[in-house]
Every structure is written in C-alpha cells, then in structure tokens.
C-alpha cells in the first residue's frame, strides 16, 4: 500500500493540490453519470480557489441516489452536460497533485468520461490538440473538445488509504465517519464541493499526524 510520504513531503515543500469529489447517479462509471463535480485547490498556506458545478446527466436522477446527495431533476435541469464541464475542470486542476477519498471511484468516473471524449474527438479531428479548446469552440460546426489525455496523468493521493494507515483501528473510514473522528465540520455532506473540502482537511490532518 502506498504510504503517500511523497504527497506529504510535496505539501510541506509548497506544492499545490486539488482535492475533488463527484456525485453520481450510481456506482458504475460505465453505466452511471456524474451529476456534480466539486474541487478545492490548496497548498500549505490555505485554499487557493474552488470549483463547483451541477451537471445534467441526460437521464432522470435515480431516487436512491437522490436520497443520498439530495440532488433532484429540477436542480439539474438546464445545467451543462459533462462534455462542457470537463474542459473547465481540466484547466482548474492544471498540473496540481490530486487528492480524493476512495480515489478509484472518483477517478474511475472522470477517466471514463475523458476516454469517451478523447476517442470521439480524435475521430472527429485527429490533429486537434484539445487542451486550449473551450466553450468558444463549441459553436455549431466546430470540432468537439478533445481532452489532452484519455485518463488523468496526475499524481493522486487517496485520503482513505492515508487515514487507514495513520489512524488505525477506527470503526469507519467513510468520509463522514473520519470527519466526525477528526472533528471536521461537515457543512453540506454528500455535496461535491464540501466533500472536497473535507477531503482536503483530512489530507492536512494526515500530514500533521505523520
């Protein structure tokens, strides 16, 4: 298991991180959709900037998922689809180190969408680099945005694994359980931006514990 000493050292040395979280219609990235994406960019001096957007999944919000995240079809109506949100997210994270709680889940959904858009974009315009193409290139007849990569190439610190190593023996390592143990205020649980903030605070407490 990765000790994530490299991530903690990078934080102490002033590297920029982005903690991020998603809300979805279900658990399978091949079948379900992202409905919210939130992120908090930070370094050892504090929060640098925030990112938060609701996303129209193109399908009705399943009742079981809506009961968890309190996101409704009415809230998602008229919101941008994921292919219009990802360009802004990619620009936001830049070359920062990423942090996520149970990172394979969040990265799995992001990567599934990146892969799909990457393949579609390359077929439509093989020479398109994609990185600087944004909403201004979404005009009718323009080539679709192509991600600069089919999967996130960033270094990623998983706060779930960090917490299991540094705070052994807890009854729960879910985000809410850890927040309660570490006395982190959860202002809006199961909403992406606030869960990203909680992830950031767990990461910082792991650094301070080490």
C-alpha atoms as a PDB file:
ATOM      1  CA  UNK A   1       0.000   0.000   0.000  1.00  0.00           C
ATOM      2  CA  UNK A   2       1.295   3.439  -0.911  1.00  0.00           C
ATOM      3  CA  UNK A   3       2.447   5.299   2.212  1.00  0.00           C
ATOM      4  CA  UNK A   4       1.888   8.633   0.446  1.00  0.00           C
ATOM      5  CA  UNK A   5       5.012  10.021   2.090  1.00  0.00           C
ATOM      6  CA  UNK A   6       5.769  11.614  -1.273  1.00  0.00           C
ATOM      7  CA  UNK A   7       2.475  13.549  -1.157  1.00  0.00           C
ATOM      8  CA  UNK A   8       3.007  14.740   2.381  1.00  0.00           C
ATOM      9  CA  UNK A   9       6.555  15.832   1.560  1.00  0.00           C
ATOM     10  CA  UNK A  10       5.308  17.692  -1.521  1.00  0.00           C
ATOM     11  CA  UNK A  11       2.691  19.502   0.580  1.00  0.00           C
ATOM     12  CA  UNK A  12       5.288  20.588   3.133  1.00  0.00           C
ATOM     13  CA  UNK A  13       7.503  21.828   0.306  1.00  0.00           C
ATOM     14  CA  UNK A  14       4.737  24.080  -1.066  1.00  0.00           C
ATOM     15  CA  UNK A  15       3.248  22.016  -3.908  1.00  0.00           C
ATOM     16  CA  UNK A  16      -0.306  22.841  -4.999  1.00  0.00           C
ATOM     17  CA  UNK A  17      -3.007  20.184  -4.557  1.00  0.00           C
ATOM     18  CA  UNK A  18      -6.588  19.827  -5.749  1.00  0.00           C
ATOM     19  CA  UNK A  19      -8.991  17.829  -3.613  1.00  0.00           C
ATOM     20  CA  UNK A  20     -12.026  16.801  -5.658  1.00  0.00           C
ATOM     21  CA  UNK A  21     -15.256  14.881  -5.296  1.00  0.00           C
ATOM     22  CA  UNK A  22     -18.148  13.823  -7.512  1.00  0.00           C
ATOM     23  CA  UNK A  23     -21.799  12.958  -7.027  1.00  0.00           C
ATOM     24  CA  UNK A  24     -23.294  10.421  -9.415  1.00  0.00           C
ATOM     25  CA  UNK A  25     -26.449   8.578 -10.438  1.00  0.00           C
ATOM     26  CA  UNK A  26     -24.927   5.266  -9.312  1.00  0.00           C
ATOM     27  CA  UNK A  27     -21.752   3.334  -8.630  1.00  0.00           C
ATOM     28  CA  UNK A  28     -20.672   2.010 -12.063  1.00  0.00           C
ATOM     29  CA  UNK A  29     -18.767   4.522 -14.240  1.00  0.00           C
ATOM     30  CA  UNK A  30     -19.688   2.573 -17.374  1.00  0.00           C
ATOM     31  CA  UNK A  31     -23.417   2.719 -16.615  1.00  0.00           C
ATOM     32  CA  UNK A  32     -23.983   5.776 -14.446  1.00  0.00           C
ATOM     33  CA  UNK A  33     -23.379   9.516 -14.804  1.00  0.00           C
ATOM     34  CA  UNK A  34     -21.742  12.363 -12.914  1.00  0.00           C
ATOM     35  CA  UNK A  35     -24.240  14.941 -11.643  1.00  0.00           C
ATOM     36  CA  UNK A  36     -21.937  17.191  -9.625  1.00  0.00           C
ATOM     37  CA  UNK A  37     -18.232  17.947  -9.582  1.00  0.00           C
ATOM     38  CA  UNK A  38     -16.550  19.941  -6.832  1.00  0.00           C
ATOM     39  CA  UNK A  39     -12.926  20.742  -6.103  1.00  0.00           C
ATOM     40  CA  UNK A  40     -10.766  22.813  -3.783  1.00  0.00           C
ATOM     41  CA  UNK A  41      -7.273  23.881  -4.819  1.00  0.00           C
ATOM     42  CA  UNK A  42      -4.895  24.430  -1.899  1.00  0.00           C
ATOM     43  CA  UNK A  43      -1.324  24.452  -0.650  1.00  0.00           C
ATOM     44  CA  UNK A  44       0.313  24.722   2.779  1.00  0.00           C
ATOM     45  CA  UNK A  45      -0.803  28.359   3.020  1.00  0.00           C
ATOM     46  CA  UNK A  46      -4.506  27.549   2.601  1.00  0.00           C
ATOM     47  CA  UNK A  47      -7.260  27.426  -0.020  1.00  0.00           C
ATOM     48  CA  UNK A  48      -6.354  28.948  -3.391  1.00  0.00           C
ATOM     49  CA  UNK A  49      -9.639  28.560  -5.287  1.00  0.00           C
ATOM     50  CA  UNK A  50     -12.812  26.486  -5.538  1.00  0.00           C
ATOM     51  CA  UNK A  51     -14.714  24.739  -8.325  1.00  0.00           C
ATOM     52  CA  UNK A  52     -18.328  23.598  -8.152  1.00  0.00           C
ATOM     53  CA  UNK A  53     -20.857  22.731 -10.859  1.00  0.00           C
ATOM     54  CA  UNK A  54     -24.021  20.700 -11.252  1.00  0.00           C
ATOM     55  CA  UNK A  55     -24.174  18.559 -14.405  1.00  0.00           C
ATOM     56  CA  UNK A  56     -27.134  17.425 -16.467  1.00  0.00           C
ATOM     57  CA  UNK A  57     -26.705  13.639 -16.744  1.00  0.00           C
ATOM     58  CA  UNK A  58     -29.197  13.341 -19.586  1.00  0.00           C
ATOM     59  CA  UNK A  59     -31.222  10.790 -17.603  1.00  0.00           C
ATOM     60  CA  UNK A  60     -33.593  11.040 -14.619  1.00  0.00           C
ATOM     61  CA  UNK A  61     -31.952  11.140 -11.201  1.00  0.00           C
ATOM     62  CA  UNK A  62     -32.485   7.714  -9.583  1.00  0.00           C
ATOM     63  CA  UNK A  63     -34.440   8.045  -6.306  1.00  0.00           C
ATOM     64  CA  UNK A  64     -31.891   6.010  -4.335  1.00  0.00           C
ATOM     65  CA  UNK A  65     -29.020   8.280  -5.396  1.00  0.00           C
ATOM     66  CA  UNK A  66     -31.097  11.414  -4.858  1.00  0.00           C
ATOM     67  CA  UNK A  67     -31.865  10.351  -1.291  1.00  0.00           C
ATOM     68  CA  UNK A  68     -28.126  10.364  -0.554  1.00  0.00           C
ATOM     69  CA  UNK A  69     -26.988  13.564  -2.258  1.00  0.00           C
ATOM     70  CA  UNK A  70     -30.313  15.472  -2.185  1.00  0.00           C
ATOM     71  CA  UNK A  71     -29.844  16.406  -5.859  1.00  0.00           C
ATOM     72  CA  UNK A  72     -33.083  16.485  -7.848  1.00  0.00           C
ATOM     73  CA  UNK A  73     -34.038  16.531 -11.517  1.00  0.00           C
ATOM     74  CA  UNK A  74     -35.217  20.114 -11.027  1.00  0.00           C
ATOM     75  CA  UNK A  75     -31.768  21.142  -9.782  1.00  0.00           C
ATOM     76  CA  UNK A  76     -30.118  19.539 -12.822  1.00  0.00           C
ATOM     77  CA  UNK A  77     -32.481  20.922 -15.462  1.00  0.00           C
ATOM     78  CA  UNK A  78     -30.664  23.304 -17.790  1.00  0.00           C
ATOM     79  CA  UNK A  79     -27.223  22.566 -16.335  1.00  0.00           C
ATOM     80  CA  UNK A  80     -24.316  21.840 -18.706  1.00  0.00           C
ATOM     81  CA  UNK A  81     -23.528  18.263 -19.771  1.00  0.00           C
ATOM     82  CA  UNK A  82     -20.268  16.643 -18.709  1.00  0.00           C
ATOM     83  CA  UNK A  83     -18.524  17.353 -22.036  1.00  0.00           C
ATOM     84  CA  UNK A  84     -18.912  21.093 -21.376  1.00  0.00           C
ATOM     85  CA  UNK A  85     -17.778  20.819 -17.754  1.00  0.00           C
ATOM     86  CA  UNK A  86     -14.632  18.730 -18.188  1.00  0.00           C
ATOM     87  CA  UNK A  87     -12.669  21.395 -20.123  1.00  0.00           C
ATOM     88  CA  UNK A  88     -13.099  23.814 -17.223  1.00  0.00           C
ATOM     89  CA  UNK A  89     -12.207  21.133 -14.685  1.00  0.00           C
ATOM     90  CA  UNK A  90      -9.056  20.150 -16.580  1.00  0.00           C
ATOM     91  CA  UNK A  91      -7.968  23.803 -16.676  1.00  0.00           C
ATOM     92  CA  UNK A  92      -8.776  24.189 -12.979  1.00  0.00           C
ATOM     93  CA  UNK A  93      -6.656  21.256 -11.804  1.00  0.00           C
ATOM     94  CA  UNK A  94      -3.759  22.153 -14.132  1.00  0.00           C
ATOM     95  CA  UNK A  95      -0.670  20.213 -13.066  1.00  0.00           C
ATOM     96  CA  UNK A  96      -1.564  20.075  -9.370  1.00  0.00           C
ATOM     97  CA  UNK A  97      -1.391  16.892  -7.309  1.00  0.00           C
ATOM     98  CA  UNK A  98      -4.882  15.459  -6.864  1.00  0.00           C
ATOM     99  CA  UNK A  99      -6.469  14.229  -3.642  1.00  0.00           C
ATOM    100  CA  UNK A 100      -9.662  12.200  -3.367  1.00  0.00           C
ATOM    101  CA  UNK A 101     -11.302   9.983  -0.757  1.00  0.00           C
ATOM    102  CA  UNK A 102     -11.551   6.488  -2.226  1.00  0.00           C
ATOM    103  CA  UNK A 103      -9.813   7.826  -5.319  1.00  0.00           C
ATOM    104  CA  UNK A 104     -10.541   4.849  -7.627  1.00  0.00           C
ATOM    105  CA  UNK A 105     -14.249   5.716  -7.519  1.00  0.00           C
ATOM    106  CA  UNK A 106     -13.916   9.406  -8.414  1.00  0.00           C
ATOM    107  CA  UNK A 107     -11.065   8.881 -10.869  1.00  0.00           C
ATOM    108  CA  UNK A 108     -12.927   5.981 -12.474  1.00  0.00           C
ATOM    109  CA  UNK A 109     -15.843   8.241 -13.421  1.00  0.00           C
ATOM    110  CA  UNK A 110     -13.607  11.096 -14.585  1.00  0.00           C
ATOM    111  CA  UNK A 111     -11.444   8.767 -16.635  1.00  0.00           C
ATOM    112  CA  UNK A 112     -14.414   7.017 -18.234  1.00  0.00           C
ATOM    113  CA  UNK A 113     -15.674  10.380 -19.498  1.00  0.00           C
ATOM    114  CA  UNK A 114     -12.221  11.549 -20.553  1.00  0.00           C
ATOM    115  CA  UNK A 115     -11.693   8.339 -22.515  1.00  0.00           C
ATOM    116  CA  UNK A 116     -15.044   8.656 -24.287  1.00  0.00           C
ATOM    117  CA  UNK A 117     -14.473  12.301 -25.245  1.00  0.00           C
ATOM    118  CA  UNK A 118     -10.855  11.633 -26.221  1.00  0.00           C
ATOM    119  CA  UNK A 119     -11.878   8.861 -28.621  1.00  0.00           C
ATOM    120  CA  UNK A 120     -14.755  10.884 -30.104  1.00  0.00           C
ATOM    121  CA  UNK A 121     -12.577  13.969 -30.517  1.00  0.00           C
ATOM    122  CA  UNK A 122      -9.724  12.112 -32.187  1.00  0.00           C
ATOM    123  CA  UNK A 123     -12.098  10.513 -34.662  1.00  0.00           C
ATOM    124  CA  UNK A 124     -13.650  13.890 -35.478  1.00  0.00           C
ATOM    125  CA  UNK A 125     -10.377  15.794 -35.729  1.00  0.00           C
ATOM    126  CA  UNK A 126      -7.226  13.665 -35.364  1.00  0.00           C
ATOM    127  CA  UNK A 127      -4.873  16.672 -35.413  1.00  0.00           C
ATOM    128  CA  UNK A 128      -6.716  18.599 -32.690  1.00  0.00           C
ATOM    129  CA  UNK A 129      -4.660  19.026 -29.510  1.00  0.00           C
ATOM    130  CA  UNK A 130      -7.727  19.869 -27.455  1.00  0.00           C
ATOM    131  CA  UNK A 131      -6.076  21.412 -24.386  1.00  0.00           C
ATOM    132  CA  UNK A 132      -6.873  25.040 -25.131  1.00  0.00           C
ATOM    133  CA  UNK A 133     -10.157  24.382 -26.866  1.00  0.00           C
ATOM    134  CA  UNK A 134     -13.054  25.529 -24.723  1.00  0.00           C
ATOM    135  CA  UNK A 135     -16.641  26.740 -24.890  1.00  0.00           C
ATOM    136  CA  UNK A 136     -15.721  29.306 -27.524  1.00  0.00           C
ATOM    137  CA  UNK A 137     -15.089  26.391 -29.883  1.00  0.00           C
ATOM    138  CA  UNK A 138     -18.462  24.785 -29.205  1.00  0.00           C
ATOM    139  CA  UNK A 139     -20.189  26.749 -31.946  1.00  0.00           C
ATOM    140  CA  UNK A 140     -22.233  24.818 -34.452  1.00  0.00           C
ATOM    141  CA  UNK A 141     -19.982  23.030 -36.885  1.00  0.00           C
ATOM    142  CA  UNK A 142     -16.867  23.323 -34.707  1.00  0.00           C
ATOM    143  CA  UNK A 143     -14.872  20.250 -33.755  1.00  0.00           C
ATOM    144  CA  UNK A 144     -15.801  18.760 -30.364  1.00  0.00           C
ATOM    145  CA  UNK A 145     -13.488  19.406 -27.454  1.00  0.00           C
ATOM    146  CA  UNK A 146     -10.833  16.747 -27.151  1.00  0.00           C
ATOM    147  CA  UNK A 147      -9.211  16.122 -23.757  1.00  0.00           C
ATOM    148  CA  UNK A 148      -5.419  16.396 -23.719  1.00  0.00           C
ATOM    149  CA  UNK A 149      -5.274  12.834 -22.377  1.00  0.00           C
ATOM    150  CA  UNK A 150      -7.645   9.821 -22.161  1.00  0.00           C
ATOM    151  CA  UNK A 151      -7.082   9.424 -18.394  1.00  0.00           C
ATOM    152  CA  UNK A 152      -5.824  11.655 -15.605  1.00  0.00           C
ATOM    153  CA  UNK A 153      -1.995  11.558 -15.647  1.00  0.00           C
ATOM    154  CA  UNK A 154      -1.706  13.373 -12.305  1.00  0.00           C
ATOM    155  CA  UNK A 155      -0.235  12.011  -9.117  1.00  0.00           C
ATOM    156  CA  UNK A 156      -3.154  11.169  -6.839  1.00  0.00           C
ATOM    157  CA  UNK A 157      -3.229  10.891  -3.039  1.00  0.00           C
ATOM    158  CA  UNK A 158      -6.047   8.731  -1.671  1.00  0.00           C
ATOM    159  CA  UNK A 159      -7.068  10.077   1.748  1.00  0.00           C
ATOM    160  CA  UNK A 160      -8.932   6.849   2.511  1.00  0.00           C
ATOM    161  CA  UNK A 161      -5.696   4.858   2.371  1.00  0.00           C
ATOM    162  CA  UNK A 162      -3.768   7.608   4.167  1.00  0.00           C
ATOM    163  CA  UNK A 163      -6.276   7.634   7.027  1.00  0.00           C
ATOM    164  CA  UNK A 164      -6.276   3.839   7.356  1.00  0.00           C
ATOM    165  CA  UNK A 165      -2.519   3.933   7.796  1.00  0.00           C
ATOM    166  CA  UNK A 166      -2.260   6.954  10.105  1.00  0.00           C
ATOM    167  CA  UNK A 167      -5.436   6.463  12.160  1.00  0.00           C
ATOM    168  CA  UNK A 168      -5.653   2.668  12.579  1.00  0.00           C
ATOM    169  CA  UNK A 169      -8.478   0.874  14.342  1.00  0.00           C
ATOM    170  CA  UNK A 170     -11.395   3.177  13.505  1.00  0.00           C
ATOM    171  CA  UNK A 171     -14.848   1.676  13.043  1.00  0.00           C
ATOM    172  CA  UNK A 172     -15.433   3.659   9.842  1.00  0.00           C
ATOM    173  CA  UNK A 173     -13.195   5.239   7.249  1.00  0.00           C
ATOM    174  CA  UNK A 174     -16.007   6.752   5.251  1.00  0.00           C
ATOM    175  CA  UNK A 175     -15.685  10.488   4.714  1.00  0.00           C
ATOM    176  CA  UNK A 176     -18.351  11.349   7.285  1.00  0.00           C
ATOM    177  CA  UNK A 177     -17.001   8.952   9.885  1.00  0.00           C
ATOM    178  CA  UNK A 178     -13.483  10.303   9.544  1.00  0.00           C
ATOM    179  CA  UNK A 179     -14.744  13.880   9.663  1.00  0.00           C
ATOM    180  CA  UNK A 180     -16.502  13.128  12.956  1.00  0.00           C
ATOM    181  CA  UNK A 181     -13.406  11.444  14.408  1.00  0.00           C
ATOM    182  CA  UNK A 182     -11.128  14.300  13.330  1.00  0.00           C
ATOM    183  CA  UNK A 183     -13.670  16.959  14.395  1.00  0.00           C
ATOM    184  CA  UNK A 184     -14.006  18.347  10.869  1.00  0.00           C
ATOM    185  CA  UNK A 185     -17.224  20.280  10.297  1.00  0.00           C
ATOM    186  CA  UNK A 186     -19.345  18.762   7.517  1.00  0.00           C
ATOM    187  CA  UNK A 187     -21.449  21.686   6.384  1.00  0.00           C
ATOM    188  CA  UNK A 188     -23.091  20.043   3.364  1.00  0.00           C
ATOM    189  CA  UNK A 189     -22.385  16.304   3.387  1.00  0.00           C
ATOM    190  CA  UNK A 190     -22.724  14.397   0.111  1.00  0.00           C
ATOM    191  CA  UNK A 191     -22.393  17.551  -1.962  1.00  0.00           C
ATOM    192  CA  UNK A 192     -19.274  17.611  -4.068  1.00  0.00           C
ATOM    193  CA  UNK A 193     -17.595  20.896  -3.134  1.00  0.00           C
ATOM    194  CA  UNK A 194     -17.988  20.439   0.608  1.00  0.00           C
ATOM    195  CA  UNK A 195     -16.903  16.805   0.433  1.00  0.00           C
ATOM    196  CA  UNK A 196     -13.826  18.008  -1.467  1.00  0.00           C
ATOM    197  CA  UNK A 197     -13.112  20.476   1.354  1.00  0.00           C
ATOM    198  CA  UNK A 198     -13.470  17.703   3.936  1.00  0.00           C
ATOM    199  CA  UNK A 199     -11.085  15.565   1.866  1.00  0.00           C
ATOM    200  CA  UNK A 200      -8.591  18.458   1.920  1.00  0.00           C
ATOM    201  CA  UNK A 201      -8.865  18.765   5.698  1.00  0.00           C
ATOM    202  CA  UNK A 202      -8.402  15.016   6.182  1.00  0.00           C
ATOM    203  CA  UNK A 203      -5.289  15.207   3.999  1.00  0.00           C
ATOM    204  CA  UNK A 204      -3.894  18.079   6.083  1.00  0.00           C
ATOM    205  CA  UNK A 205      -4.565  16.254   9.348  1.00  0.00           C
ATOM    206  CA  UNK A 206      -2.796  13.189   7.933  1.00  0.00           C
ATOM    207  CA  UNK A 207       0.218  15.385   7.149  1.00  0.00           C
ATOM    208  CA  UNK A 208       0.167  16.803  10.669  1.00  0.00           C
ATOM    209  CA  UNK A 209      -0.150  13.295  12.167  1.00  0.00           C
ATOM    210  CA  UNK A 210       2.843  11.924  10.233  1.00  0.00           C
END
